[in-house]
Amino acid sequence: MNSYTLEPIGFIRSTVKGREDAPRQGPEGAPDAWLEIEPQFAKALLGMEVGHELMVITWLHKAKRDVLRGHPRSDESRPVTGVFYTRSPA
């Protein structure tokens, strides 16, 4: 398996401080969040304006890497699926 080094260009900040504070999906009451771009990448924002859409790729650094399957939303009445399919913590 290959390994990769990630170099962040910024961070996402919000009032969410822990998993228990976070909604399971954004439309379920997620608070506002802010993108903080590192100063050395500021020139790359040229042309961006309020209201433009961005694709933000995140690394969920506290996610369990050994969990590959689970019940969506930890609801045992739902069938087990792969974590890439669930879009929610297993």
PDB file of N, CA and C in Angstrom:
ATOM      1  N   MET A   1       0.837  -1.174   0.000  1.00  0.00           N
ATOM      2  CA  MET A   1       0.000   0.000   0.000  1.00  0.00           C
ATOM      3  C   MET A   1       0.885   1.241   0.000  1.00  0.00           C
ATOM      4  N   ASN A   2       0.525   2.227  -0.785  1.00  0.00           N
ATOM      5  CA  ASN A   2       1.269   3.477  -0.831  1.00  0.00           C
ATOM      6  C   ASN A   2       0.966   4.331   0.387  1.00  0.00           C
ATOM      7  N   SER A   3       1.913   5.161   0.758  1.00  0.00           N
ATOM      8  CA  SER A   3       1.655   6.153   1.800  1.00  0.00           C
ATOM      9  C   SER A   3       1.842   7.536   1.188  1.00  0.00           C
ATOM     10  N   TYR A   4       1.151   8.501   1.748  1.00  0.00           N
ATOM     11  CA  TYR A   4       1.173   9.855   1.221  1.00  0.00           C
ATOM     12  C   TYR A   4       1.356  10.838   2.365  1.00  0.00           C
ATOM     13  N   THR A   5       2.014  11.916   2.069  1.00  0.00           N
ATOM     14  CA  THR A   5       2.149  12.994   3.031  1.00  0.00           C
ATOM     15  C   THR A   5       1.178  14.091   2.642  1.00  0.00           C
ATOM     16  N   LEU A   6       0.370  14.529   3.593  1.00  0.00           N
ATOM     17  CA  LEU A   6      -0.584  15.602   3.339  1.00  0.00           C
ATOM     18  C   LEU A   6      -0.031  16.905   3.885  1.00  0.00           C
ATOM     19  N   GLU A   7      -0.089  17.930   3.089  1.00  0.00           N
ATOM     20  CA  GLU A   7       0.333  19.261   3.513  1.00  0.00           C
ATOM     21  C   GLU A   7      -0.894  20.155   3.505  1.00  0.00           C
ATOM     22  N   PRO A   8      -1.454  20.472   4.668  1.00  0.00           N
ATOM     23  CA  PRO A   8      -2.657  21.302   4.682  1.00  0.00           C
ATOM     24  C   PRO A   8      -2.385  22.698   4.142  1.00  0.00           C
ATOM     25  N   ILE A   9      -3.369  23.232   3.433  1.00  0.00           N
ATOM     26  CA  ILE A   9      -3.279  24.618   2.963  1.00  0.00           C
ATOM     27  C   ILE A   9      -4.149  25.523   3.826  1.00  0.00           C
ATOM     28  N   GLY A  10      -4.856  24.930   4.761  1.00  0.00           N
ATOM     29  CA  GLY A  10      -5.706  25.703   5.654  1.00  0.00           C
ATOM     30  C   GLY A  10      -6.477  24.780   6.566  1.00  0.00           C
ATOM     31  N   PHE A  11      -7.414  25.383   7.270  1.00  0.00           N
ATOM     32  CA  PHE A  11      -8.189  24.645   8.256  1.00  0.00           C
ATOM     33  C   PHE A  11      -9.631  25.107   8.232  1.00  0.00           C
ATOM     34  N   ILE A  12     -10.519  24.249   8.680  1.00  0.00           N
ATOM     35  CA  ILE A  12     -11.926  24.593   8.832  1.00  0.00           C
ATOM     36  C   ILE A  12     -12.151  24.858  10.315  1.00  0.00           C
ATOM     37  N   ARG A  13     -12.753  25.989  10.616  1.00  0.00           N
ATOM     38  CA  ARG A  13     -13.052  26.345  12.008  1.00  0.00           C
ATOM     39  C   ARG A  13     -14.557  26.461  12.183  1.00  0.00           C
ATOM     40  N   SER A  14     -15.058  26.013  13.312  1.00  0.00           N
ATOM     41  CA  SER A  14     -16.474  26.168  13.643  1.00  0.00           C
ATOM     42  C   SER A  14     -16.614  26.095  15.155  1.00  0.00           C
ATOM     43  N   THR A  15     -17.838  26.236  15.613  1.00  0.00           N
ATOM     44  CA  THR A  15     -18.099  26.130  17.048  1.00  0.00           C
ATOM     45  C   THR A  15     -18.168  24.676  17.501  1.00  0.00           C
ATOM     46  N   VAL A  16     -18.164  23.743  16.577  1.00  0.00           N
ATOM     47  CA  VAL A  16     -18.200  22.318  16.922  1.00  0.00           C
ATOM     48  C   VAL A  16     -16.837  21.931  17.492  1.00  0.00           C
ATOM     49  N   LYS A  17     -16.845  21.420  18.701  1.00  0.00           N
ATOM     50  CA  LYS A  17     -15.588  21.053  19.357  1.00  0.00           C
ATOM     51  C   LYS A  17     -15.410  19.548  19.512  1.00  0.00           C
ATOM     52  N   GLY A  18     -16.480  18.801  19.345  1.00  0.00           N
ATOM     53  CA  GLY A  18     -16.386  17.355  19.483  1.00  0.00           C
ATOM     54  C   GLY A  18     -17.474  16.675  18.685  1.00  0.00           C
ATOM     55  N   ARG A  19     -17.301  15.391  18.490  1.00  0.00           N
ATOM     56  CA  ARG A  19     -18.249  14.613  17.691  1.00  0.00           C
ATOM     57  C   ARG A  19     -19.672  14.715  18.238  1.00  0.00           C
ATOM     58  N   GLU A  20     -19.783  14.774  19.565  1.00  0.00           N
ATOM     59  CA  GLU A  20     -21.107  14.851  20.180  1.00  0.00           C
ATOM     60  C   GLU A  20     -21.817  16.172  19.881  1.00  0.00           C
ATOM     61  N   ASP A  21     -21.077  17.197  19.500  1.00  0.00           N
ATOM     62  CA  ASP A  21     -21.660  18.508  19.170  1.00  0.00           C
ATOM     63  C   ASP A  21     -22.072  18.611  17.707  1.00  0.00           C
ATOM     64  N   ALA A  22     -21.632  17.686  16.898  1.00  0.00           N
ATOM     65  CA  ALA A  22     -21.826  17.793  15.448  1.00  0.00           C
ATOM     66  C   ALA A  22     -23.113  17.112  14.998  1.00  0.00           C
ATOM     67  N   PRO A  23     -23.823  17.736  14.057  1.00  0.00           N
ATOM     68  CA  PRO A  23     -24.955  17.034  13.454  1.00  0.00           C
ATOM     69  C   PRO A  23     -24.412  15.901  12.590  1.00  0.00           C
ATOM     70  N   ARG A  24     -25.220  14.903  12.341  1.00  0.00           N
ATOM     71  CA  ARG A  24     -24.750  13.782  11.528  1.00  0.00           C
ATOM     72  C   ARG A  24     -24.562  14.179  10.074  1.00  0.00           C
ATOM     73  N   GLN A  25     -25.365  15.116   9.585  1.00  0.00           N
ATOM     74  CA  GLN A  25     -25.237  15.639   8.221  1.00  0.00           C
ATOM     75  C   GLN A  25     -25.455  17.152   8.286  1.00  0.00           C
ATOM     76  N   GLY A  26     -24.857  17.881   7.376  1.00  0.00           N
ATOM     77  CA  GLY A  26     -24.957  19.330   7.362  1.00  0.00           C
ATOM     78  C   GLY A  26     -26.361  19.889   7.412  1.00  0.00           C
ATOM     79  N   PRO A  27     -27.299  19.360   6.611  1.00  0.00           N
ATOM     80  CA  PRO A  27     -28.659  19.904   6.626  1.00  0.00           C
ATOM     81  C   PRO A  27     -29.397  19.704   7.954  1.00  0.00           C
ATOM     82  N   GLU A  28     -28.795  18.994   8.889  1.00  0.00           N
ATOM     83  CA  GLU A  28     -29.440  18.729  10.175  1.00  0.00           C
ATOM     84  C   GLU A  28     -28.997  19.721  11.250  1.00  0.00           C
ATOM     85  N   GLY A  29     -28.742  20.949  10.850  1.00  0.00           N
ATOM     86  CA  GLY A  29     -28.438  21.985  11.831  1.00  0.00           C
ATOM     87  C   GLY A  29     -26.969  22.280  12.033  1.00  0.00           C
ATOM     88  N   ALA A  30     -26.159  22.102  11.017  1.00  0.00           N
ATOM     89  CA  ALA A  30     -24.735  22.402  11.151  1.00  0.00           C
ATOM     90  C   ALA A  30     -24.532  23.901  11.357  1.00  0.00           C
ATOM     91  N   PRO A  31     -23.638  24.277  12.272  1.00  0.00           N
ATOM     92  CA  PRO A  31     -23.357  25.698  12.467  1.00  0.00           C
ATOM     93  C   PRO A  31     -22.510  26.230  11.316  1.00  0.00           C
ATOM     94  N   ASP A  32     -22.406  27.542  11.239  1.00  0.00           N
ATOM     95  CA  ASP A  32     -21.515  28.143  10.253  1.00  0.00           C
ATOM     96  C   ASP A  32     -20.085  27.670  10.505  1.00  0.00           C
ATOM     97  N   ALA A  33     -19.307  27.652   9.462  1.00  0.00           N
ATOM     98  CA  ALA A  33     -17.894  27.289   9.570  1.00  0.00           C
ATOM     99  C   ALA A  33     -17.095  28.240   8.697  1.00  0.00           C
ATOM    100  N   TRP A  34     -15.810  28.358   8.974  1.00  0.00           N
ATOM    101  CA  TRP A  34     -14.943  29.269   8.252  1.00  0.00           C
ATOM    102  C   TRP A  34     -13.732  28.520   7.735  1.00  0.00           C
ATOM    103  N   LEU A  35     -13.331  28.855   6.527  1.00  0.00           N
ATOM    104  CA  LEU A  35     -12.093  28.319   5.967  1.00  0.00           C
ATOM    105  C   LEU A  35     -10.991  29.318   6.257  1.00  0.00           C
ATOM    106  N   GLU A  36      -9.932  28.867   6.876  1.00  0.00           N
ATOM    107  CA  GLU A  36      -8.771  29.706   7.135  1.00  0.00           C
ATOM    108  C   GLU A  36      -7.630  29.176   6.276  1.00  0.00           C
ATOM    109  N   ILE A  37      -7.249  29.962   5.289  1.00  0.00           N
ATOM    110  CA  ILE A  37      -6.191  29.562   4.358  1.00  0.00           C
ATOM    111  C   ILE A  37      -4.860  30.103   4.870  1.00  0.00           C
ATOM    112  N   GLU A  38      -3.851  29.275   4.844  1.00  0.00           N
ATOM    113  CA  GLU A  38      -2.520  29.697   5.281  1.00  0.00           C
ATOM    114  C   GLU A  38      -2.029  30.858   4.409  1.00  0.00           C
ATOM    115  N   PRO A  39      -1.344  31.833   5.013  1.00  0.00           N
ATOM    116  CA  PRO A  39      -0.927  33.034   4.284  1.00  0.00           C
ATOM    117  C   PRO A  39      -0.149  32.759   2.997  1.00  0.00           C
ATOM    118  N   GLN A  40       0.680  31.722   2.974  1.00  0.00           N
ATOM    119  CA  GLN A  40       1.481  31.459   1.773  1.00  0.00           C
ATOM    120  C   GLN A  40       0.633  31.026   0.578  1.00  0.00           C
ATOM    121  N   PHE A  41      -0.655  30.718   0.810  1.00  0.00           N
ATOM    122  CA  PHE A  41      -1.549  30.324  -0.280  1.00  0.00           C
ATOM    123  C   PHE A  41      -2.556  31.414  -0.635  1.00  0.00           C
ATOM    124  N   ALA A  42      -2.440  32.578  -0.027  1.00  0.00           N
ATOM    125  CA  ALA A  42      -3.409  33.663  -0.244  1.00  0.00           C
ATOM    126  C   ALA A  42      -3.506  34.058  -1.717  1.00  0.00           C
ATOM    127  N   LYS A  43      -2.396  34.081  -2.428  1.00  0.00           N
ATOM    128  CA  LYS A  43      -2.431  34.479  -3.847  1.00  0.00           C
ATOM    129  C   LYS A  43      -3.271  33.516  -4.684  1.00  0.00           C
ATOM    130  N   ALA A  44      -3.424  32.298  -4.231  1.00  0.00           N
ATOM    131  CA  ALA A  44      -4.212  31.308  -4.974  1.00  0.00           C
ATOM    132  C   ALA A  44      -5.709  31.603  -4.899  1.00  0.00           C
ATOM    133  N   LEU A  45      -6.109  32.526  -4.039  1.00  0.00           N
ATOM    134  CA  LEU A  45      -7.524  32.887  -3.899  1.00  0.00           C
ATOM    135  C   LEU A  45      -7.947  33.992  -4.861  1.00  0.00           C
ATOM    136  N   LEU A  46      -7.024  34.500  -5.658  1.00  0.00           N
ATOM    137  CA  LEU A  46      -7.344  35.579  -6.597  1.00  0.00           C
ATOM    138  C   LEU A  46      -8.525  35.190  -7.477  1.00  0.00           C
ATOM    139  N   GLY A  47      -9.544  36.018  -7.505  1.00  0.00           N
ATOM    140  CA  GLY A  47     -10.736  35.758  -8.300  1.00  0.00           C
ATOM    141  C   GLY A  47     -11.889  35.182  -7.500  1.00  0.00           C
ATOM    142  N   MET A  48     -11.609  34.647  -6.322  1.00  0.00           N
ATOM    143  CA  MET A  48     -12.679  34.114  -5.472  1.00  0.00           C
ATOM    144  C   MET A  48     -13.474  35.271  -4.897  1.00  0.00           C
ATOM    145  N   GLU A  49     -14.785  35.104  -4.864  1.00  0.00           N
ATOM    146  CA  GLU A  49     -15.661  36.126  -4.310  1.00  0.00           C
ATOM    147  C   GLU A  49     -16.692  35.476  -3.400  1.00  0.00           C
ATOM    148  N   VAL A  50     -17.267  36.274  -2.522  1.00  0.00           N
ATOM    149  CA  VAL A  50     -18.340  35.793  -1.655  1.00  0.00           C
ATOM    150  C   VAL A  50     -19.441  35.213  -2.524  1.00  0.00           C
ATOM    151  N   GLY A  51     -19.900  34.043  -2.169  1.00  0.00           N
ATOM    152  CA  GLY A  51     -20.962  33.383  -2.922  1.00  0.00           C
ATOM    153  C   GLY A  51     -20.467  32.352  -3.917  1.00  0.00           C
ATOM    154  N   HIS A  52     -19.182  32.366  -4.243  1.00  0.00           N
ATOM    155  CA  HIS A  52     -18.642  31.342  -5.136  1.00  0.00           C
ATOM    156  C   HIS A  52     -18.646  29.993  -4.420  1.00  0.00           C
ATOM    157  N   GLU A  53     -18.814  28.950  -5.189  1.00  0.00           N
ATOM    158  CA  GLU A  53     -18.783  27.607  -4.616  1.00  0.00           C
ATOM    159  C   GLU A  53     -17.365  27.061  -4.643  1.00  0.00           C
ATOM    160  N   LEU A  54     -17.018  26.340  -3.598  1.00  0.00           N
ATOM    161  CA  LEU A  54     -15.714  25.689  -3.488  1.00  0.00           C
ATOM    162  C   LEU A  54     -15.918  24.206  -3.249  1.00  0.00           C
ATOM    163  N   MET A  55     -14.986  23.408  -3.700  1.00  0.00           N
ATOM    164  CA  MET A  55     -14.965  21.999  -3.325  1.00  0.00           C
ATOM    165  C   MET A  55     -13.865  21.865  -2.274  1.00  0.00           C
ATOM    166  N   VAL A  56     -14.256  21.508  -1.083  1.00  0.00           N
ATOM    167  CA  VAL A  56     -13.309  21.382   0.020  1.00  0.00           C
ATOM    168  C   VAL A  56     -13.090  19.899   0.294  1.00  0.00           C
ATOM    169  N   ILE A  57     -11.852  19.483   0.220  1.00  0.00           N
ATOM    170  CA  ILE A  57     -11.499  18.095   0.504  1.00  0.00           C
ATOM    171  C   ILE A  57     -10.890  18.071   1.899  1.00  0.00           C
ATOM    172  N   THR A  58     -11.474  17.284   2.764  1.00  0.00           N
ATOM    173  CA  THR A  58     -11.022  17.258   4.151  1.00  0.00           C
ATOM    174  C   THR A  58     -10.383  15.922   4.504  1.00  0.00           C
ATOM    175  N   TRP A  59      -9.575  15.966   5.523  1.00  0.00           N
ATOM    176  CA  TRP A  59      -9.008  14.760   6.112  1.00  0.00           C
ATOM    177  C   TRP A  59      -9.541  14.705   7.533  1.00  0.00           C
ATOM    178  N   LEU A  60     -10.378  13.738   7.810  1.00  0.00           N
ATOM    179  CA  LEU A  60     -10.963  13.604   9.141  1.00  0.00           C
ATOM    180  C   LEU A  60      -9.950  12.881  10.022  1.00  0.00           C
ATOM    181  N   HIS A  61      -9.081  13.668  10.627  1.00  0.00           N
ATOM    182  CA  HIS A  61      -7.901  13.133  11.291  1.00  0.00           C
ATOM    183  C   HIS A  61      -8.192  12.290  12.528  1.00  0.00           C
ATOM    184  N   LYS A  62      -9.396  12.368  13.066  1.00  0.00           N
ATOM    185  CA  LYS A  62      -9.720  11.563  14.243  1.00  0.00           C
ATOM    186  C   LYS A  62     -10.574  10.340  13.911  1.00  0.00           C
ATOM    187  N   ALA A  63     -10.805  10.103  12.635  1.00  0.00           N
ATOM    188  CA  ALA A  63     -11.632   8.959  12.229  1.00  0.00           C
ATOM    189  C   ALA A  63     -10.914   7.646  12.536  1.00  0.00           C
ATOM    190  N   LYS A  64     -11.699   6.643  12.871  1.00  0.00           N
ATOM    191  CA  LYS A  64     -11.142   5.310  13.115  1.00  0.00           C
ATOM    192  C   LYS A  64     -10.801   4.679  11.767  1.00  0.00           C
ATOM    193  N   ARG A  65      -9.560   4.351  11.556  1.00  0.00           N
ATOM    194  CA  ARG A  65      -9.111   3.804  10.275  1.00  0.00           C
ATOM    195  C   ARG A  65      -9.364   2.298  10.159  1.00  0.00           C
ATOM    196  N   ASP A  66      -9.640   1.639  11.278  1.00  0.00           N
ATOM    197  CA  ASP A  66      -9.839   0.191  11.229  1.00  0.00           C
ATOM    198  C   ASP A  66     -11.305  -0.197  11.054  1.00  0.00           C
ATOM    199  N   VAL A  67     -12.210   0.768  11.067  1.00  0.00           N
ATOM    200  CA  VAL A  67     -13.638   0.485  10.890  1.00  0.00           C
ATOM    201  C   VAL A  67     -13.972   0.591   9.408  1.00  0.00           C
ATOM    202  N   LEU A  68     -14.402  -0.501   8.807  1.00  0.00           N
ATOM    203  CA  LEU A  68     -14.707  -0.518   7.378  1.00  0.00           C
ATOM    204  C   LEU A  68     -16.189  -0.720   7.089  1.00  0.00           C
ATOM    205  N   ARG A  69     -16.912  -1.266   8.056  1.00  0.00           N
ATOM    206  CA  ARG A  69     -18.344  -1.508   7.865  1.00  0.00           C
ATOM    207  C   ARG A  69     -19.085  -1.154   9.147  1.00  0.00           C
ATOM    208  N   GLY A  70     -20.360  -0.832   8.989  1.00  0.00           N
ATOM    209  CA  GLY A  70     -21.166  -0.553  10.167  1.00  0.00           C
ATOM    210  C   GLY A  70     -22.600  -0.253   9.780  1.00  0.00           C
ATOM    211  N   HIS A  71     -23.430  -0.106  10.791  1.00  0.00           N
ATOM    212  CA  HIS A  71     -24.819   0.274  10.563  1.00  0.00           C
ATOM    213  C   HIS A  71     -24.855   1.784  10.319  1.00  0.00           C
ATOM    214  N   PRO A  72     -25.469   2.254   9.228  1.00  0.00           N
ATOM    215  CA  PRO A  72     -25.560   3.698   9.001  1.00  0.00           C
ATOM    216  C   PRO A  72     -26.150   4.413  10.218  1.00  0.00           C
ATOM    217  N   ARG A  73     -25.499   5.490  10.630  1.00  0.00           N
ATOM    218  CA  ARG A  73     -25.904   6.299  11.786  1.00  0.00           C
ATOM    219  C   ARG A  73     -25.934   5.488  13.079  1.00  0.00           C
ATOM    220  N   SER A  74     -25.201   4.380  13.089  1.00  0.00           N
ATOM    221  CA  SER A  74     -25.169   3.474  14.248  1.00  0.00           C
ATOM    222  C   SER A  74     -26.553   2.952  14.617  1.00  0.00           C
ATOM    223  N   ASP A  75     -27.429   2.893  13.636  1.00  0.00           N
ATOM    224  CA  ASP A  75     -28.802   2.416  13.824  1.00  0.00           C
ATOM    225  C   ASP A  75     -28.847   0.945  13.442  1.00  0.00           C
ATOM    226  N   GLU A  76     -28.925   0.072  14.435  1.00  0.00           N
ATOM    227  CA  GLU A  76     -28.861  -1.369  14.186  1.00  0.00           C
ATOM    228  C   GLU A  76     -30.059  -1.915  13.426  1.00  0.00           C
ATOM    229  N   SER A  77     -31.107  -1.097  13.242  1.00  0.00           N
ATOM    230  CA  SER A  77     -32.237  -1.555  12.422  1.00  0.00           C
ATOM    231  C   SER A  77     -31.912  -1.430  10.933  1.00  0.00           C
ATOM    232  N   ARG A  78     -30.844  -0.723  10.620  1.00  0.00           N
ATOM    233  CA  ARG A  78     -30.412  -0.586   9.226  1.00  0.00           C
ATOM    234  C   ARG A  78     -29.364  -1.650   8.922  1.00  0.00           C
ATOM    235  N   PRO A  79     -29.335  -2.143   7.681  1.00  0.00           N
ATOM    236  CA  PRO A  79     -28.344  -3.176   7.345  1.00  0.00           C
ATOM    237  C   PRO A  79     -26.920  -2.614   7.353  1.00  0.00           C
ATOM    238  N   VAL A  80     -25.989  -3.491   7.663  1.00  0.00           N
ATOM    239  CA  VAL A  80     -24.572  -3.126   7.649  1.00  0.00           C
ATOM    240  C   VAL A  80     -24.161  -2.778   6.226  1.00  0.00           C
ATOM    241  N   THR A  81     -23.414  -1.700   6.082  1.00  0.00           N
ATOM    242  CA  THR A  81     -22.871  -1.292   4.785  1.00  0.00           C
ATOM    243  C   THR A  81     -21.420  -0.865   4.978  1.00  0.00           C
ATOM    244  N   GLY A  82     -20.717  -0.669   3.877  1.00  0.00           N
ATOM    245  CA  GLY A  82     -19.360  -0.147   3.934  1.00  0.00           C
ATOM    246  C   GLY A  82     -19.381   1.326   4.309  1.00  0.00           C
ATOM    247  N   VAL A  83     -18.344   1.782   5.011  1.00  0.00           N
ATOM    248  CA  VAL A  83     -18.338   3.166   5.487  1.00  0.00           C
ATOM    249  C   VAL A  83     -18.330   4.186   4.350  1.00  0.00           C
ATOM    250  N   PHE A  84     -17.810   3.843   3.186  1.00  0.00           N
ATOM    251  CA  PHE A  84     -17.835   4.795   2.072  1.00  0.00           C
ATOM    252  C   PHE A  84     -19.262   5.025   1.582  1.00  0.00           C
ATOM    253  N   TYR A  85     -20.120   4.048   1.779  1.00  0.00           N
ATOM    254  CA  TYR A  85     -21.510   4.166   1.358  1.00  0.00           C
ATOM    255  C   TYR A  85     -22.354   4.932   2.373  1.00  0.00           C
ATOM    256  N   THR A  86     -22.039   4.818   3.637  1.00  0.00           N
ATOM    257  CA  THR A  86     -22.910   5.366   4.678  1.00  0.00           C
ATOM    258  C   THR A  86     -22.899   6.885   4.764  1.00  0.00           C
ATOM    259  N   ARG A  87     -21.779   7.523   4.446  1.00  0.00           N
ATOM    260  CA  ARG A  87     -21.630   8.968   4.620  1.00  0.00           C
ATOM    261  C   ARG A  87     -21.887   9.397   6.058  1.00  0.00           C
ATOM    262  N   SER A  88     -21.698   8.501   6.999  1.00  0.00           N
ATOM    263  CA  SER A  88     -21.878   8.841   8.403  1.00  0.00           C
ATOM    264  C   SER A  88     -20.931   7.985   9.233  1.00  0.00           C
ATOM    265  N   PRO A  89     -20.643   8.421  10.451  1.00  0.00           N
ATOM    266  CA  PRO A  89     -19.772   7.597  11.293  1.00  0.00           C
ATOM    267  C   PRO A  89     -20.384   6.221  11.516  1.00  0.00           C
ATOM    268  N   ALA A  90     -19.559   5.225  11.478  1.00  0.00           N
ATOM    269  CA  ALA A  90     -20.049   3.851  11.680  1.00  0.00           C
ATOM    270  C   ALA A  90     -20.185   3.553  13.155  1.00  0.00           C
TER     271      ALA A  90
END
